[in-house]
Amino acid sequence: MKRIATPLIAAAVCFAAGLFFKFALRGYSFAAYAFFAVGAFIATLAALKAAEAKHAAFARTARRVLLCGLAVFLVALAVTEGFIISAAVRAEDDGPADCVIVLGAGVDGTRPSLSLLWRLREAKDWLDRYPEASCIVTGSQGPDELISEAQCMFTWLTDAGIAPERVIMEDMADDTEQNLRYSFAIAEERGFETLAVLTADYHVCRAALLAKANGRQAVMVAAPTAYPVLRANYYLREAFGLWYYKLTGRI
């Protein structure tokens, strides 16, 4: 009985942690889903262990299949995270460009969300390092946002001391692919020859792939995600986003 009770307690702890991350914290949904998945996996293994008394062959085979599947998943996840982390680390060594494209993120009413705020701080630092460069801020207005992401970024950067004439708004893009495609078109119209793309550290890998799919090479600039647990949440989520993009061509 203890051999069954211990994994069930562990599963219950995982479910409780999942509920905490889902409902008590904002922005940690993927961490919640991960805890739910681990809890369900542990509970399933416990149920199969309990079933061995009556269905020994089936239960043992099912457990082996589950464990092999878990091993394959973990290897694939580790390799994918390696690509994502490597891209983020390389992007920390950014360089100059004629223009930096700042990819949008959520807006809380009229104020930048945490994710967007970290991007804006990095954009401000980058623009201060390269005072001759321009900036394209890109992102449309979401259903729960009072202004567009582009307008929010323009206001924040100009309030922070960046000259308004250096900041160009692109407020029609609804996703990363459109962010880049519309911004590249603006950059071409303005005659910017070298471009940088600034996004969250965990998002650099996929953004670089999308930039290349649009036929442009760009310096990648990573905005760090400050909170370690939130960083883990986003890096885990990004692995699934990258798989989805590679499998479907959509983001």
Protein backbone atom coordinates (compact mmCIF):
# COMPACT_ATOMS: atom_id res chain seq x y z
CA MET A 1 0.00 0.00 0.00
CA LYS A 2 2.83 2.41 0.83
CA ARG A 3 4.34 1.81 -2.61
CA ILE A 4 1.08 3.12 -4.14
CA ALA A 5 0.42 5.86 -1.60
CA THR A 6 3.81 7.59 -2.03
CA PRO A 7 3.49 8.28 -5.78
CA LEU A 8 -0.14 9.34 -5.31
CA ILE A 9 0.97 11.87 -2.69
CA ALA A 10 3.61 13.11 -5.14
CA ALA A 11 0.95 13.40 -7.85
CA ALA A 12 -1.30 15.34 -5.49
CA VAL A 13 1.55 17.73 -4.68
CA CYS A 14 2.11 18.28 -8.42
CA PHE A 15 -1.59 19.00 -8.97
CA ALA A 16 -1.60 21.42 -6.03
CA ALA A 17 1.47 23.19 -7.43
CA GLY A 18 -0.23 23.37 -10.80
CA LEU A 19 -3.30 24.99 -9.29
CA PHE A 20 -1.10 27.50 -7.47
CA PHE A 21 0.79 28.53 -10.61
CA LYS A 22 -2.43 28.65 -12.64
CA PHE A 23 -4.63 30.69 -10.33
CA ALA A 24 -2.42 32.37 -7.71
CA LEU A 25 0.22 33.78 -10.09
CA ARG A 26 -0.06 35.67 -13.34
CA GLY A 27 1.92 34.58 -16.39
CA TYR A 28 2.88 31.12 -15.14
CA SER A 29 0.26 29.07 -17.01
CA PHE A 30 2.75 26.84 -18.79
CA ALA A 31 4.44 25.96 -15.51
CA ALA A 32 0.99 25.00 -14.22
CA TYR A 33 0.37 22.73 -17.22
CA ALA A 34 3.78 21.13 -16.71
CA PHE A 35 2.93 20.31 -13.08
CA PHE A 36 -0.44 18.90 -14.15
CA ALA A 37 1.27 16.71 -16.76
CA VAL A 38 3.84 15.41 -14.26
CA GLY A 39 1.09 14.71 -11.73
CA ALA A 40 -0.95 12.82 -14.31
CA PHE A 41 2.12 10.82 -15.38
CA ILE A 42 2.95 9.83 -11.80
CA ALA A 43 -0.67 8.88 -11.10
CA THR A 44 -0.81 6.77 -14.27
CA LEU A 45 2.37 4.90 -13.33
CA ALA A 46 0.93 4.27 -9.85
CA ALA A 47 -2.32 2.97 -11.34
CA LEU A 48 -0.43 0.62 -13.66
CA LYS A 49 1.65 -0.60 -10.73
CA ALA A 50 -1.53 -1.35 -8.80
CA ALA A 51 -2.96 -3.19 -11.83
CA GLU A 52 -0.03 -5.60 -12.04
CA ALA A 53 -1.73 -7.97 -9.59
CA LYS A 54 -4.51 -8.71 -12.10
CA HIS A 55 -3.01 -7.69 -15.44
CA ALA A 56 0.71 -8.15 -14.94
CA ALA A 57 1.83 -8.42 -18.57
CA PHE A 58 -0.28 -5.51 -19.80
CA ALA A 59 0.66 -3.26 -16.86
CA ARG A 60 4.39 -3.92 -17.20
CA THR A 61 4.31 -3.32 -20.97
CA ALA A 62 2.32 -0.11 -20.58
CA ARG A 63 4.72 1.18 -17.92
CA ARG A 64 7.72 0.44 -20.15
CA VAL A 65 6.09 2.23 -23.08
CA LEU A 66 5.34 5.26 -20.89
CA LEU A 67 8.87 5.38 -19.50
CA CYS A 68 10.42 5.02 -22.97
CA GLY A 69 8.15 7.77 -24.23
CA LEU A 70 9.22 9.96 -21.33
CA ALA A 71 12.89 9.34 -22.11
CA VAL A 72 12.42 10.28 -25.78
CA PHE A 73 10.48 13.41 -24.79
CA LEU A 74 13.14 14.52 -22.29
CA VAL A 75 15.96 14.04 -24.79
CA ALA A 76 14.05 16.02 -27.44
CA LEU A 77 13.26 18.73 -24.89
CA ALA A 78 16.90 18.96 -23.76
CA VAL A 79 18.15 19.28 -27.35
CA THR A 80 15.53 21.95 -28.15
CA GLU A 81 16.31 23.93 -25.01
CA GLY A 82 19.97 23.76 -25.98
CA PHE A 83 19.17 25.56 -29.26
CA ILE A 84 16.96 28.12 -27.49
CA ILE A 85 19.51 28.89 -24.75
CA SER A 86 22.40 29.00 -27.22
CA ALA A 87 20.54 31.53 -29.39
CA ALA A 88 19.80 33.68 -26.34
CA VAL A 89 23.42 33.60 -25.16
CA ARG A 90 24.76 34.52 -28.61
CA ALA A 91 22.28 37.41 -28.82
CA GLU A 92 23.72 38.94 -25.64
CA ASP A 93 26.77 39.91 -27.70
CA ASP A 94 24.78 42.35 -29.84
CA GLY A 95 26.25 44.79 -32.28
CA PRO A 96 25.38 48.02 -34.07
CA ALA A 97 22.79 48.39 -36.82
CA ASP A 98 20.97 51.16 -38.65
CA CYS A 99 17.71 50.24 -36.96
CA VAL A 100 16.46 47.98 -34.16
CA ILE A 101 13.06 46.31 -34.44
CA VAL A 102 11.47 45.85 -31.01
CA LEU A 103 8.92 43.02 -31.03
CA GLY A 104 5.76 43.71 -29.07
CA ALA A 105 4.36 41.95 -26.02
CA GLY A 106 1.30 42.43 -23.84
CA VAL A 107 0.03 45.79 -22.63
CA ASP A 108 -1.82 46.15 -19.33
CA GLY A 109 -4.31 48.85 -20.21
CA THR A 110 -1.90 51.54 -21.35
CA ARG A 111 1.17 50.33 -19.47
CA PRO A 112 3.72 47.73 -20.63
CA SER A 113 3.49 44.26 -19.16
CA LEU A 114 6.57 42.89 -17.41
CA SER A 115 7.69 41.09 -20.55
CA LEU A 116 7.32 44.24 -22.63
CA LEU A 117 8.97 46.38 -19.95
CA TRP A 118 12.10 44.20 -20.00
CA ARG A 119 12.25 44.58 -23.79
CA LEU A 120 11.85 48.34 -23.55
CA ARG A 121 14.63 48.68 -21.00
CA GLU A 122 16.95 46.72 -23.26
CA ALA A 123 15.84 48.82 -26.24
CA LYS A 124 16.59 52.03 -24.33
CA ASP A 125 20.08 50.76 -23.45
CA TRP A 126 20.71 49.69 -27.05
CA LEU A 127 19.57 53.03 -28.47
CA ASP A 128 21.76 54.86 -25.96
CA ARG A 129 24.77 52.79 -27.09
CA TYR A 130 24.06 53.52 -30.75
CA PRO A 131 22.73 57.10 -30.86
CA GLU A 132 22.65 57.23 -34.67
CA ALA A 133 20.30 54.24 -34.92
CA SER A 134 16.54 54.33 -35.38
CA CYS A 135 13.92 52.06 -33.83
CA ILE A 136 10.78 50.37 -35.15
CA VAL A 137 8.30 49.39 -32.44
CA THR A 138 5.82 46.83 -33.68
CA GLY A 139 2.58 45.39 -32.34
CA SER A 140 -1.16 45.92 -32.80
CA GLN A 141 -3.84 46.50 -30.16
CA GLY A 142 -5.11 43.33 -28.50
CA PRO A 143 -8.70 42.81 -27.32
CA ASP A 144 -7.80 43.56 -23.68
CA GLU A 145 -5.48 46.47 -24.44
CA LEU A 146 -6.50 50.13 -24.43
CA ILE A 147 -3.74 51.13 -26.88
CA SER A 148 -1.56 49.30 -29.36
CA GLU A 149 1.69 47.71 -28.27
CA ALA A 150 3.50 50.02 -30.70
CA GLN A 151 1.92 53.11 -29.13
CA CYS A 152 2.78 51.88 -25.64
CA MET A 153 6.40 51.34 -26.64
CA PHE A 154 6.64 54.69 -28.42
CA THR A 155 5.32 56.50 -25.35
CA TRP A 156 7.63 54.65 -22.95
CA LEU A 157 10.76 55.18 -25.04
CA THR A 158 10.12 58.85 -25.72
CA ASP A 159 9.27 59.45 -22.04
CA ALA A 160 12.59 57.74 -21.23
CA GLY A 161 14.46 60.30 -23.32
CA ILE A 162 14.66 58.75 -26.79
CA ALA A 163 13.98 61.39 -29.45
CA PRO A 164 10.55 60.82 -31.06
CA GLU A 165 11.97 61.09 -34.56
CA ARG A 166 14.09 58.01 -33.87
CA VAL A 167 11.06 55.82 -33.08
CA ILE A 168 8.81 54.53 -35.88
CA MET A 169 5.50 52.88 -35.02
CA GLU A 170 4.14 49.79 -36.79
CA ASP A 171 0.76 49.05 -35.21
CA MET A 172 -0.85 46.54 -37.59
CA ALA A 173 1.05 43.32 -36.78
CA ASP A 174 -0.80 40.67 -34.76
CA ASP A 175 1.98 38.09 -34.36
CA THR A 176 5.75 37.71 -34.62
CA GLU A 177 5.75 36.83 -38.32
CA GLN A 178 3.76 39.97 -39.11
CA ASN A 179 5.91 42.01 -36.70
CA LEU A 180 8.95 41.13 -38.75
CA ARG A 181 7.40 41.22 -42.22
CA TYR A 182 5.78 44.63 -41.76
CA SER A 183 8.83 46.06 -40.00
CA PHE A 184 11.19 44.78 -42.70
CA ALA A 185 9.00 46.54 -45.29
CA ILE A 186 9.26 49.81 -43.33
CA ALA A 187 13.02 49.36 -42.99
CA GLU A 188 13.35 48.87 -46.74
CA GLU A 189 11.27 51.98 -47.43
CA ARG A 190 13.44 54.02 -45.04
CA GLY A 191 16.67 52.71 -46.53
CA PHE A 192 17.97 50.95 -43.40
CA GLU A 193 20.65 48.54 -44.55
CA THR A 194 21.54 46.74 -41.32
CA LEU A 195 18.90 45.65 -38.85
CA ALA A 196 18.72 44.36 -35.30
CA VAL A 197 15.76 42.48 -33.84
CA LEU A 198 15.15 42.80 -30.11
CA THR A 199 12.94 40.35 -28.27
CA ALA A 200 12.85 38.35 -25.04
CA ASP A 201 15.80 36.00 -24.46
CA TYR A 202 13.68 32.86 -24.70
CA HIS A 203 12.14 34.08 -27.99
CA VAL A 204 15.38 34.86 -29.86
CA CYS A 205 15.74 31.45 -31.53
CA ARG A 206 12.27 31.44 -33.10
CA ALA A 207 12.47 35.13 -34.02
CA ALA A 208 15.76 34.49 -35.83
CA LEU A 209 14.17 31.63 -37.79
CA LEU A 210 11.24 33.86 -38.75
CA ALA A 211 13.58 36.67 -39.80
CA LYS A 212 15.47 34.24 -42.02
CA ALA A 213 12.17 32.95 -43.44
CA ASN A 214 11.43 36.55 -44.45
CA GLY A 215 14.74 36.69 -46.28
CA ARG A 216 16.55 39.06 -43.93
CA GLN A 217 19.64 38.72 -41.80
CA ALA A 218 19.52 40.66 -38.54
CA VAL A 219 21.56 41.15 -35.40
CA MET A 220 19.59 39.47 -32.61
CA VAL A 221 19.34 41.30 -29.28
CA ALA A 222 18.07 39.47 -26.18
CA ALA A 223 16.10 41.19 -23.44
CA PRO A 224 16.66 39.22 -20.22
CA THR A 225 13.73 37.74 -18.32
CA ALA A 226 14.47 38.87 -14.79
CA TYR A 227 12.57 36.38 -12.60
CA PRO A 228 14.12 32.86 -12.59
CA VAL A 229 10.86 30.89 -12.21
CA LEU A 230 9.13 32.97 -14.87
CA ARG A 231 12.18 32.49 -17.11
CA ALA A 232 11.89 28.71 -16.69
CA ASN A 233 8.16 28.94 -17.52
CA TYR A 234 8.81 30.85 -20.74
CA TYR A 235 11.78 28.73 -21.85
CA LEU A 236 9.69 25.58 -21.39
CA ARG A 237 6.77 27.09 -23.29
CA GLU A 238 9.08 28.22 -26.09
CA ALA A 239 10.25 24.65 -26.74
CA PHE A 240 6.68 23.68 -27.61
CA GLY A 241 6.29 26.84 -29.67
CA LEU A 242 9.42 25.98 -31.62
CA TRP A 243 8.21 22.42 -32.26
CA TYR A 244 4.87 23.75 -33.47
CA TYR A 245 6.57 26.20 -35.81
CA LYS A 246 8.92 23.55 -37.26
CA LEU A 247 6.07 21.09 -37.77
CA THR A 248 3.43 23.45 -39.18
CA GLY A 249 5.28 26.54 -40.39
CA ARG A 250 2.93 28.62 -38.23
CA ILE A 251 3.65 30.41 -34.96
